[in-house]
């Protein structure tokens, strides 16, 4: 199983995401680079040098919340990252093919289309058609198990769509990678929803299945692997030292 470190960016710095309350995110203090608080580039270097991990997930929180993409910072991260031939997965609130192309032009390897900002599944299908299935990740955004829907999508679908039906629509739209991301669990250490991951794996055997939000220790990662998860997004557990380079090597 792949371990994918996370960088949440806001206002040009890396921040510590906790329980999805973005108004309270503070500059990130990480044991990987203790003297470089909020320095995204230093942290990416540490992922490579100390953890020997060459794939990274970036959430541009400014763009996700309707602001401009942090182009200069993403380009700087990509310029360093490409030397390691790893994938830079970027969520910048993409909801159209044009926006996807903009994210990729900043140096991203893959663009994330999140449920939180998706207006229609037809838009996801268009993104996949234009940039290619291998460069698109669909993020099944949840908050404590409940889907986080863009108002326009909620109006179109009505109340109460369940995660499995939403994932099915994403796969039908061409998504080959599905990321289960529970915003309410981020930074809490309460673990991911293993039952949901197992159900998704049974129903969609051919997709790449990723998950994040709530991972505390290596044991959480082993449980995710055992239910068929292909990759885990990890932030707080890495930055606090609860998940170490030795843990990652053992899981790889």
C-alpha atoms as a PDB file:
ATOM      1  CA  UNK A   1       0.000   0.000   0.000  1.00  0.00           C
ATOM      2  CA  UNK A   2       1.244   3.451  -0.907  1.00  0.00           C
ATOM      3  CA  UNK A   3       1.606   6.095   1.773  1.00  0.00           C
ATOM      4  CA  UNK A   4       0.940   9.598   0.464  1.00  0.00           C
ATOM      5  CA  UNK A   5       1.918  12.528   2.703  1.00  0.00           C
ATOM      6  CA  UNK A   6      -0.374  15.558   2.692  1.00  0.00           C
ATOM      7  CA  UNK A   7       0.285  19.281   2.492  1.00  0.00           C
ATOM      8  CA  UNK A   8      -2.629  21.638   3.148  1.00  0.00           C
ATOM      9  CA  UNK A   9      -1.846  25.108   1.797  1.00  0.00           C
ATOM     10  CA  UNK A  10      -3.480  28.384   2.836  1.00  0.00           C
ATOM     11  CA  UNK A  11      -2.153  31.863   2.228  1.00  0.00           C
ATOM     12  CA  UNK A  12       1.141  30.538   0.903  1.00  0.00           C
ATOM     13  CA  UNK A  13       1.998  28.359   3.906  1.00  0.00           C
ATOM     14  CA  UNK A  14       1.416  24.773   4.975  1.00  0.00           C
ATOM     15  CA  UNK A  15      -1.219  24.554   7.706  1.00  0.00           C
ATOM     16  CA  UNK A  16      -2.331  21.924  10.205  1.00  0.00           C
ATOM     17  CA  UNK A  17      -5.770  20.665   9.230  1.00  0.00           C
ATOM     18  CA  UNK A  18      -8.015  19.500  12.058  1.00  0.00           C
ATOM     19  CA  UNK A  19     -11.609  18.263  11.894  1.00  0.00           C
ATOM     20  CA  UNK A  20     -12.372  20.281   8.760  1.00  0.00           C
ATOM     21  CA  UNK A  21     -12.646  23.638  10.561  1.00  0.00           C
ATOM     22  CA  UNK A  22     -10.581  25.672   8.111  1.00  0.00           C
ATOM     23  CA  UNK A  23     -10.990  28.939  10.029  1.00  0.00           C
ATOM     24  CA  UNK A  24      -8.822  27.504  12.811  1.00  0.00           C
ATOM     25  CA  UNK A  25      -5.994  25.987  10.766  1.00  0.00           C
ATOM     26  CA  UNK A  26      -2.618  27.282  11.993  1.00  0.00           C
ATOM     27  CA  UNK A  27       0.824  27.104  10.329  1.00  0.00           C
ATOM     28  CA  UNK A  28       2.049  23.527  10.437  1.00  0.00           C
ATOM     29  CA  UNK A  29       4.680  22.514  12.984  1.00  0.00           C
ATOM     30  CA  UNK A  30       6.201  19.228  11.887  1.00  0.00           C
ATOM     31  CA  UNK A  31       8.807  17.017  13.501  1.00  0.00           C
ATOM     32  CA  UNK A  32      10.192  16.469  10.011  1.00  0.00           C
ATOM     33  CA  UNK A  33      11.274  20.130   9.782  1.00  0.00           C
ATOM     34  CA  UNK A  34      10.814  21.610  13.271  1.00  0.00           C
ATOM     35  CA  UNK A  35      12.518  24.903  12.498  1.00  0.00           C
ATOM     36  CA  UNK A  36      10.592  25.519   9.266  1.00  0.00           C
ATOM     37  CA  UNK A  37       7.059  26.139  10.516  1.00  0.00           C
ATOM     38  CA  UNK A  38       4.605  26.330   7.625  1.00  0.00           C
ATOM     39  CA  UNK A  39       7.344  25.937   4.990  1.00  0.00           C
ATOM     40  CA  UNK A  40       5.735  23.726   2.351  1.00  0.00           C
ATOM     41  CA  UNK A  41       8.868  23.311   0.255  1.00  0.00           C
ATOM     42  CA  UNK A  42      10.959  22.273   3.263  1.00  0.00           C
ATOM     43  CA  UNK A  43       8.317  19.729   4.205  1.00  0.00           C
ATOM     44  CA  UNK A  44       8.191  18.283   0.694  1.00  0.00           C
ATOM     45  CA  UNK A  45      11.979  17.936   0.782  1.00  0.00           C
ATOM     46  CA  UNK A  46      11.647  16.133   4.117  1.00  0.00           C
ATOM     47  CA  UNK A  47       9.105  13.702   2.667  1.00  0.00           C
ATOM     48  CA  UNK A  48      11.705  12.755   0.063  1.00  0.00           C
ATOM     49  CA  UNK A  49      14.827  12.814   2.218  1.00  0.00           C
ATOM     50  CA  UNK A  50      13.571  11.424   5.521  1.00  0.00           C
ATOM     51  CA  UNK A  51      10.620   9.253   4.546  1.00  0.00           C
ATOM     52  CA  UNK A  52      11.769   8.265   1.048  1.00  0.00           C
ATOM     53  CA  UNK A  53       8.246   8.916  -0.198  1.00  0.00           C
ATOM     54  CA  UNK A  54       7.908  10.434  -3.646  1.00  0.00           C
ATOM     55  CA  UNK A  55       4.181  11.007  -3.978  1.00  0.00           C
ATOM     56  CA  UNK A  56       2.362  13.893  -2.334  1.00  0.00           C
ATOM     57  CA  UNK A  57      -1.210  15.171  -2.040  1.00  0.00           C
ATOM     58  CA  UNK A  58      -1.683  18.932  -1.972  1.00  0.00           C
ATOM     59  CA  UNK A  59      -4.893  20.672  -0.958  1.00  0.00           C
ATOM     60  CA  UNK A  60      -4.988  24.309  -2.074  1.00  0.00           C
ATOM     61  CA  UNK A  61      -7.469  25.500   0.529  1.00  0.00           C
ATOM     62  CA  UNK A  62      -7.580  29.014  -0.939  1.00  0.00           C
ATOM     63  CA  UNK A  63      -8.794  27.681  -4.283  1.00  0.00           C
ATOM     64  CA  UNK A  64     -11.113  25.097  -2.729  1.00  0.00           C
ATOM     65  CA  UNK A  65     -12.867  27.923  -0.879  1.00  0.00           C
ATOM     66  CA  UNK A  66     -13.309  29.970  -4.049  1.00  0.00           C
ATOM     67  CA  UNK A  67     -10.079  31.973  -4.150  1.00  0.00           C
ATOM     68  CA  UNK A  68      -7.254  31.999  -6.657  1.00  0.00           C
ATOM     69  CA  UNK A  69      -5.017  28.982  -7.166  1.00  0.00           C
ATOM     70  CA  UNK A  70      -1.697  29.346  -5.356  1.00  0.00           C
ATOM     71  CA  UNK A  71       0.096  28.953  -8.678  1.00  0.00           C
ATOM     72  CA  UNK A  72       3.565  30.148  -7.672  1.00  0.00           C
ATOM     73  CA  UNK A  73       3.786  27.862  -4.649  1.00  0.00           C
ATOM     74  CA  UNK A  74       2.422  24.835  -6.504  1.00  0.00           C
ATOM     75  CA  UNK A  75       4.908  25.458  -9.321  1.00  0.00           C
ATOM     76  CA  UNK A  76       7.753  25.694  -6.792  1.00  0.00           C
ATOM     77  CA  UNK A  77       6.701  22.415  -5.218  1.00  0.00           C
ATOM     78  CA  UNK A  78       6.332  20.783  -8.627  1.00  0.00           C
ATOM     79  CA  UNK A  79       9.751  22.018  -9.812  1.00  0.00           C
ATOM     80  CA  UNK A  80      11.375  20.265  -6.850  1.00  0.00           C
ATOM     81  CA  UNK A  81       9.133  17.225  -6.977  1.00  0.00           C
ATOM     82  CA  UNK A  82       9.521  16.320 -10.632  1.00  0.00           C
ATOM     83  CA  UNK A  83      13.198  15.536 -10.077  1.00  0.00           C
ATOM     84  CA  UNK A  84      12.052  12.513  -8.095  1.00  0.00           C
ATOM     85  CA  UNK A  85       9.587  11.279 -10.727  1.00  0.00           C
ATOM     86  CA  UNK A  86       6.818  11.139  -8.153  1.00  0.00           C
ATOM     87  CA  UNK A  87       3.182  12.122  -8.516  1.00  0.00           C
ATOM     88  CA  UNK A  88       1.971  15.481  -7.240  1.00  0.00           C
ATOM     89  CA  UNK A  89      -1.768  15.161  -6.667  1.00  0.00           C
ATOM     90  CA  UNK A  90      -3.434  18.587  -6.372  1.00  0.00           C
ATOM     91  CA  UNK A  91      -6.921  19.547  -5.209  1.00  0.00           C
ATOM     92  CA  UNK A  92      -7.552  23.166  -6.131  1.00  0.00           C
ATOM     93  CA  UNK A  93     -11.336  23.137  -6.205  1.00  0.00           C
ATOM     94  CA  UNK A  94     -11.456  21.879  -9.791  1.00  0.00           C
ATOM     95  CA  UNK A  95     -14.928  21.550 -11.302  1.00  0.00           C
ATOM     96  CA  UNK A  96     -14.318  21.921 -15.052  1.00  0.00           C
ATOM     97  CA  UNK A  97     -11.918  20.800 -17.757  1.00  0.00           C
ATOM     98  CA  UNK A  98     -10.469  24.297 -18.056  1.00  0.00           C
ATOM     99  CA  UNK A  99      -9.700  24.417 -14.352  1.00  0.00           C
ATOM    100  CA  UNK A 100      -8.164  20.952 -14.528  1.00  0.00           C
ATOM    101  CA  UNK A 101      -5.848  22.051 -17.313  1.00  0.00           C
ATOM    102  CA  UNK A 102      -4.832  25.092 -15.260  1.00  0.00           C
ATOM    103  CA  UNK A 103      -3.882  22.891 -12.298  1.00  0.00           C
ATOM    104  CA  UNK A 104      -1.877  20.570 -14.535  1.00  0.00           C
ATOM    105  CA  UNK A 105      -0.141  23.567 -16.122  1.00  0.00           C
ATOM    106  CA  UNK A 106       1.151  24.468 -12.638  1.00  0.00           C
ATOM    107  CA  UNK A 107       3.050  21.179 -12.589  1.00  0.00           C
ATOM    108  CA  UNK A 108       0.585  18.796 -10.980  1.00  0.00           C
ATOM    109  CA  UNK A 109       0.787  15.180 -12.087  1.00  0.00           C
ATOM    110  CA  UNK A 110      -2.843  14.514 -11.221  1.00  0.00           C
ATOM    111  CA  UNK A 111      -5.807  16.778 -10.613  1.00  0.00           C
ATOM    112  CA  UNK A 112      -8.324  16.065  -7.869  1.00  0.00           C
ATOM    113  CA  UNK A 113     -12.002  16.692  -8.562  1.00  0.00           C
ATOM    114  CA  UNK A 114     -13.689  16.887  -5.180  1.00  0.00           C
ATOM    115  CA  UNK A 115     -17.331  16.235  -4.400  1.00  0.00           C
ATOM    116  CA  UNK A 116     -17.298  19.433  -2.328  1.00  0.00           C
ATOM    117  CA  UNK A 117     -16.768  21.598  -5.415  1.00  0.00           C
ATOM    118  CA  UNK A 118     -18.262  19.408  -8.172  1.00  0.00           C
ATOM    119  CA  UNK A 119     -21.329  20.967  -9.799  1.00  0.00           C
ATOM    120  CA  UNK A 120     -22.370  17.965 -11.931  1.00  0.00           C
ATOM    121  CA  UNK A 121     -21.024  14.491 -12.695  1.00  0.00           C
ATOM    122  CA  UNK A 122     -21.142  15.437 -16.362  1.00  0.00           C
ATOM    123  CA  UNK A 123     -18.349  17.908 -15.544  1.00  0.00           C
ATOM    124  CA  UNK A 124     -16.263  15.097 -14.060  1.00  0.00           C
ATOM    125  CA  UNK A 125     -16.816  13.087 -17.239  1.00  0.00           C
ATOM    126  CA  UNK A 126     -15.625  16.044 -19.319  1.00  0.00           C
ATOM    127  CA  UNK A 127     -12.534  16.522 -17.164  1.00  0.00           C
ATOM    128  CA  UNK A 128     -11.678  12.842 -17.561  1.00  0.00           C
ATOM    129  CA  UNK A 129     -12.222  13.001 -21.316  1.00  0.00           C
ATOM    130  CA  UNK A 130     -10.031  16.076 -21.766  1.00  0.00           C
ATOM    131  CA  UNK A 131      -7.065  15.276 -19.505  1.00  0.00           C
ATOM    132  CA  UNK A 132      -7.231  11.469 -19.413  1.00  0.00           C
ATOM    133  CA  UNK A 133      -8.410   9.011 -16.790  1.00  0.00           C
ATOM    134  CA  UNK A 134      -4.936   8.424 -15.344  1.00  0.00           C
ATOM    135  CA  UNK A 135      -4.581  12.114 -14.438  1.00  0.00           C
ATOM    136  CA  UNK A 136      -7.886  12.459 -12.573  1.00  0.00           C
ATOM    137  CA  UNK A 137      -8.695  11.569  -8.957  1.00  0.00           C
ATOM    138  CA  UNK A 138     -12.262  11.791  -7.692  1.00  0.00           C
ATOM    139  CA  UNK A 139     -12.437  12.784  -4.029  1.00  0.00           C
ATOM    140  CA  UNK A 140     -15.480  11.439  -2.216  1.00  0.00           C
ATOM    141  CA  UNK A 141     -15.638  14.249   0.336  1.00  0.00           C
ATOM    142  CA  UNK A 142     -17.430  13.372   3.557  1.00  0.00           C
ATOM    143  CA  UNK A 143     -17.958  14.960   6.936  1.00  0.00           C
ATOM    144  CA  UNK A 144     -18.284  12.245   9.590  1.00  0.00           C
ATOM    145  CA  UNK A 145     -19.697   9.922   6.966  1.00  0.00           C
ATOM    146  CA  UNK A 146     -22.083  12.388   5.336  1.00  0.00           C
ATOM    147  CA  UNK A 147     -21.376  13.499   1.740  1.00  0.00           C
ATOM    148  CA  UNK A 148     -20.257  17.119   1.370  1.00  0.00           C
ATOM    149  CA  UNK A 149     -22.103  18.343  -1.739  1.00  0.00           C
ATOM    150  CA  UNK A 150     -21.833  21.536  -3.739  1.00  0.00           C
ATOM    151  CA  UNK A 151     -25.224  23.320  -3.471  1.00  0.00           C
ATOM    152  CA  UNK A 152     -25.845  22.931  -7.209  1.00  0.00           C
ATOM    153  CA  UNK A 153     -25.220  19.180  -7.061  1.00  0.00           C
ATOM    154  CA  UNK A 154     -27.368  18.857  -3.975  1.00  0.00           C
ATOM    155  CA  UNK A 155     -30.246  20.626  -5.734  1.00  0.00           C
ATOM    156  CA  UNK A 156     -29.890  18.302  -8.719  1.00  0.00           C
ATOM    157  CA  UNK A 157     -29.708  15.076  -6.687  1.00  0.00           C
ATOM    158  CA  UNK A 158     -32.099  15.804  -3.846  1.00  0.00           C
ATOM    159  CA  UNK A 159     -31.482  14.919  -0.237  1.00  0.00           C
ATOM    160  CA  UNK A 160     -29.563  12.006   1.122  1.00  0.00           C
ATOM    161  CA  UNK A 161     -27.363  10.477  -1.599  1.00  0.00           C
ATOM    162  CA  UNK A 162     -25.176   7.823  -0.015  1.00  0.00           C
ATOM    163  CA  UNK A 163     -21.401   7.510  -0.493  1.00  0.00           C
ATOM    164  CA  UNK A 164     -21.640   4.288  -2.507  1.00  0.00           C
ATOM    165  CA  UNK A 165     -24.080   5.733  -5.048  1.00  0.00           C
ATOM    166  CA  UNK A 166     -21.940   8.853  -5.418  1.00  0.00           C
ATOM    167  CA  UNK A 167     -18.839   6.729  -5.979  1.00  0.00           C
ATOM    168  CA  UNK A 168     -20.757   4.730  -8.586  1.00  0.00           C
ATOM    169  CA  UNK A 169     -21.621   7.907 -10.492  1.00  0.00           C
ATOM    170  CA  UNK A 170     -17.982   8.988 -10.378  1.00  0.00           C
ATOM    171  CA  UNK A 171     -16.804   5.634 -11.747  1.00  0.00           C
ATOM    172  CA  UNK A 172     -19.455   5.821 -14.474  1.00  0.00           C
ATOM    173  CA  UNK A 173     -18.108   9.284 -15.329  1.00  0.00           C
ATOM    174  CA  UNK A 174     -14.679   7.751 -15.909  1.00  0.00           C
ATOM    175  CA  UNK A 175     -12.896   8.109 -12.583  1.00  0.00           C
ATOM    176  CA  UNK A 176     -10.279   5.383 -12.239  1.00  0.00           C
ATOM    177  CA  UNK A 177      -9.125   6.568  -8.819  1.00  0.00           C
ATOM    178  CA  UNK A 178     -11.476   7.257  -5.920  1.00  0.00           C
ATOM    179  CA  UNK A 179     -10.250   8.955  -2.758  1.00  0.00           C
ATOM    180  CA  UNK A 180     -12.399   8.675   0.374  1.00  0.00           C
ATOM    181  CA  UNK A 181     -11.656  11.791   2.402  1.00  0.00           C
ATOM    182  CA  UNK A 182     -13.587  12.437   5.603  1.00  0.00           C
ATOM    183  CA  UNK A 183     -12.989  16.077   6.524  1.00  0.00           C
ATOM    184  CA  UNK A 184     -14.500  15.620   9.967  1.00  0.00           C
ATOM    185  CA  UNK A 185     -11.941  12.941  10.841  1.00  0.00           C
ATOM    186  CA  UNK A 186      -8.858  14.860   9.651  1.00  0.00           C
ATOM    187  CA  UNK A 187      -6.356  15.415  12.441  1.00  0.00           C
ATOM    188  CA  UNK A 188      -8.492  13.570  15.013  1.00  0.00           C
ATOM    189  CA  UNK A 189      -6.789  10.185  15.039  1.00  0.00           C
ATOM    190  CA  UNK A 190     -10.153   8.399  15.150  1.00  0.00           C
ATOM    191  CA  UNK A 191      -9.403   6.232  12.121  1.00  0.00           C
ATOM    192  CA  UNK A 192     -11.042   5.887   8.726  1.00  0.00           C
ATOM    193  CA  UNK A 193     -14.355   4.163   7.967  1.00  0.00           C
ATOM    194  CA  UNK A 194     -13.128   0.651   7.237  1.00  0.00           C
ATOM    195  CA  UNK A 195     -16.632  -0.584   6.496  1.00  0.00           C
ATOM    196  CA  UNK A 196     -17.055   1.958   3.718  1.00  0.00           C
ATOM    197  CA  UNK A 197     -13.654   1.122   2.250  1.00  0.00           C
ATOM    198  CA  UNK A 198     -14.472  -2.576   2.276  1.00  0.00           C
ATOM    199  CA  UNK A 199     -17.833  -1.942   0.578  1.00  0.00           C
ATOM    200  CA  UNK A 200     -16.203   0.215  -2.093  1.00  0.00           C
ATOM    201  CA  UNK A 201     -13.539  -2.412  -2.729  1.00  0.00           C
ATOM    202  CA  UNK A 202     -16.147  -5.141  -3.155  1.00  0.00           C
ATOM    203  CA  UNK A 203     -18.238  -3.071  -5.531  1.00  0.00           C
ATOM    204  CA  UNK A 204     -15.423  -1.514  -7.578  1.00  0.00           C
ATOM    205  CA  UNK A 205     -12.652  -4.064  -7.873  1.00  0.00           C
ATOM    206  CA  UNK A 206     -10.793  -2.320 -10.696  1.00  0.00           C
ATOM    207  CA  UNK A 207     -10.411   1.227  -9.352  1.00  0.00           C
ATOM    208  CA  UNK A 208      -7.479   2.613  -7.413  1.00  0.00           C
ATOM    209  CA  UNK A 209      -8.892   3.167  -3.925  1.00  0.00           C
ATOM    210  CA  UNK A 210      -7.337   5.763  -1.630  1.00  0.00           C
ATOM    211  CA  UNK A 211      -8.438   7.081   1.752  1.00  0.00           C
ATOM    212  CA  UNK A 212      -7.497   9.719   4.290  1.00  0.00           C
ATOM    213  CA  UNK A 213      -8.671  11.424   7.441  1.00  0.00           C
ATOM    214  CA  UNK A 214      -8.179  10.182  10.995  1.00  0.00           C
ATOM    215  CA  UNK A 215      -5.108   7.932  10.679  1.00  0.00           C
ATOM    216  CA  UNK A 216      -3.216   7.745  13.966  1.00  0.00           C
ATOM    217  CA  UNK A 217      -0.750   4.846  13.864  1.00  0.00           C
ATOM    218  CA  UNK A 218       0.692   2.133  11.659  1.00  0.00           C
ATOM    219  CA  UNK A 219      -2.086  -0.183  12.873  1.00  0.00           C
ATOM    220  CA  UNK A 220      -4.660   2.028  11.130  1.00  0.00           C
ATOM    221  CA  UNK A 221      -2.690   1.730   7.920  1.00  0.00           C
ATOM    222  CA  UNK A 222      -2.429  -2.051   8.200  1.00  0.00           C
ATOM    223  CA  UNK A 223      -6.195  -2.310   8.677  1.00  0.00           C
ATOM    224  CA  UNK A 224      -6.765  -0.146   5.603  1.00  0.00           C
ATOM    225  CA  UNK A 225      -4.449  -2.335   3.559  1.00  0.00           C
ATOM    226  CA  UNK A 226      -6.227  -5.463   4.750  1.00  0.00           C
ATOM    227  CA  UNK A 227      -9.640  -4.259   3.484  1.00  0.00           C
ATOM    228  CA  UNK A 228      -8.209  -3.516   0.041  1.00  0.00           C
ATOM    229  CA  UNK A 229      -7.142   0.117   0.193  1.00  0.00           C
ATOM    230  CA  UNK A 230      -4.398   0.893  -2.336  1.00  0.00           C
ATOM    231  CA  UNK A 231      -3.082   4.055  -0.725  1.00  0.00           C
ATOM    232  CA  UNK A 232      -3.435   6.212   2.379  1.00  0.00           C
ATOM    233  CA  UNK A 233      -3.223   9.975   2.727  1.00  0.00           C
ATOM    234  CA  UNK A 234      -1.414  10.773   5.971  1.00  0.00           C
ATOM    235  CA  UNK A 235      -0.757  14.171   7.536  1.00  0.00           C
ATOM    236  CA  UNK A 236      -0.910  14.634  11.325  1.00  0.00           C
ATOM    237  CA  UNK A 237       0.393  11.134  12.108  1.00  0.00           C
ATOM    238  CA  UNK A 238       3.528  11.837  10.055  1.00  0.00           C
ATOM    239  CA  UNK A 239       4.077  15.371  11.328  1.00  0.00           C
ATOM    240  CA  UNK A 240       3.747  14.300  14.977  1.00  0.00           C
ATOM    241  CA  UNK A 241       6.007  11.283  14.518  1.00  0.00           C
ATOM    242  CA  UNK A 242       3.354   8.664  15.296  1.00  0.00           C
ATOM    243  CA  UNK A 243       3.961   7.156  11.859  1.00  0.00           C
ATOM    244  CA  UNK A 244       7.661   6.874  11.106  1.00  0.00           C
ATOM    245  CA  UNK A 245       9.902   6.136   8.162  1.00  0.00           C
ATOM    246  CA  UNK A 246      10.300   2.583   9.503  1.00  0.00           C
ATOM    247  CA  UNK A 247       6.525   2.154   9.509  1.00  0.00           C
ATOM    248  CA  UNK A 248       6.302   3.326   5.924  1.00  0.00           C
ATOM    249  CA  UNK A 249       9.084   0.999   4.830  1.00  0.00           C
ATOM    250  CA  UNK A 250       7.341  -1.954   6.483  1.00  0.00           C
ATOM    251  CA  UNK A 251       4.044  -1.137   4.769  1.00  0.00           C
ATOM    252  CA  UNK A 252       5.657  -0.651   1.364  1.00  0.00           C
END
